[in-house]
Protein backbone atom coordinates (compact mmCIF):
# COMPACT_ATOMS: atom_id res chain seq x y z
CA UNK A 1 72.72 -56.96 -49.88
CA UNK A 2 74.33 -56.82 -46.44
CA UNK A 3 73.60 -54.01 -44.04
CA UNK A 4 76.86 -52.90 -42.50
CA UNK A 5 76.80 -49.88 -40.24
CA UNK A 6 79.84 -47.70 -40.03
CA UNK A 7 80.68 -46.02 -36.74
CA UNK A 8 83.29 -43.49 -35.91
CA UNK A 9 85.63 -44.17 -33.03
CA UNK A 10 83.83 -41.57 -30.89
CA UNK A 11 80.43 -43.05 -31.69
CA UNK A 12 81.67 -46.52 -30.73
CA UNK A 13 83.13 -45.18 -27.49
CA UNK A 14 79.80 -43.49 -26.68
CA UNK A 15 77.94 -46.71 -27.42
CA UNK A 16 80.34 -48.72 -25.23
CA UNK A 17 79.96 -46.24 -22.36
CA UNK A 18 76.15 -46.35 -22.61
CA UNK A 19 76.12 -50.15 -22.67
CA UNK A 20 78.57 -50.30 -19.77
CA UNK A 21 76.41 -47.91 -17.74
CA UNK A 22 73.32 -49.97 -18.52
CA UNK A 23 75.14 -53.17 -17.54
CA UNK A 24 76.28 -51.65 -14.24
CA UNK A 25 72.72 -50.55 -13.47
CA UNK A 26 71.44 -54.06 -14.23
CA UNK A 27 74.03 -55.54 -11.85
CA UNK A 28 73.03 -53.05 -9.14
CA UNK A 29 69.36 -53.93 -9.67
CA UNK A 30 70.18 -57.63 -9.48
CA UNK A 31 72.07 -57.16 -6.19
CA UNK A 32 69.18 -55.15 -4.73
CA UNK A 33 66.74 -57.85 -5.83
CA UNK A 34 68.87 -60.53 -4.18
CA UNK A 35 69.06 -58.45 -1.00
CA UNK A 36 65.26 -58.07 -1.03
CA UNK A 37 64.87 -61.84 -1.51
CA UNK A 38 67.11 -62.54 1.49
CA UNK A 39 65.17 -60.03 3.62
CA UNK A 40 61.85 -61.54 2.54
CA UNK A 41 63.05 -65.03 3.39
CA UNK A 42 64.23 -63.86 6.82
CA UNK A 43 60.86 -62.16 7.42
CA UNK A 44 59.04 -65.29 6.29
CA UNK A 45 61.00 -67.43 8.75
CA UNK A 46 60.47 -64.91 11.58
CA UNK A 47 56.72 -64.73 10.92
CA UNK A 48 56.46 -68.52 10.66
CA UNK A 49 58.16 -68.86 14.05
CA UNK A 50 55.84 -66.21 15.52
CA UNK A 51 52.82 -68.06 14.12
CA UNK A 52 54.02 -71.33 15.66
CA UNK A 53 54.45 -69.57 18.99
CA UNK A 54 50.93 -68.15 18.82
CA UNK A 55 49.48 -71.53 17.87
CA UNK A 56 51.19 -73.10 20.88
CA UNK A 57 49.84 -70.36 23.17
CA UNK A 58 46.34 -70.88 21.77
CA UNK A 59 46.56 -74.59 22.59
CA UNK A 60 47.71 -73.77 26.12
CA UNK A 61 44.84 -71.32 26.63
CA UNK A 62 42.32 -73.83 25.30
CA UNK A 63 43.64 -76.42 27.73
CA UNK A 64 43.31 -73.91 30.59
CA UNK A 65 39.74 -73.07 29.55
CA UNK A 66 38.82 -76.75 29.44
CA UNK A 67 40.38 -77.25 32.88
CA UNK A 68 38.43 -74.29 34.27
CA UNK A 69 35.15 -75.54 32.80
CA UNK A 70 35.68 -79.05 34.11
CA UNK A 71 36.70 -77.76 37.56
CA UNK A 72 33.30 -76.20 37.98
CA UNK A 73 32.20 -72.82 39.26
CA UNK A 74 33.26 -73.46 42.90
CA UNK A 75 36.97 -73.76 42.14
CA UNK A 76 37.16 -70.57 40.07
CA UNK A 77 38.94 -67.72 41.79
CA UNK A 78 36.64 -64.72 42.25
CA UNK A 79 38.08 -61.34 43.08
CA UNK A 80 36.39 -59.37 45.78
CA UNK A 81 36.23 -55.61 45.42
């Protein structure tokens, strides 16, 4: 026995409108998700560049500290108050 559902023209139109609305919402959600992905990727790149900058600064500071330690206490600038 086959199960065939009968719909009136109005019921079919309502169903089509509901499915169309759902499809539009899914497309909007997909676009927002893609936008969020792009923003996250941009943030990731920006933070990665910032991290690299901080790592380079840390290396510079370490080199300065080593230079100060090897120079000895007599070559260190002391502020007089």
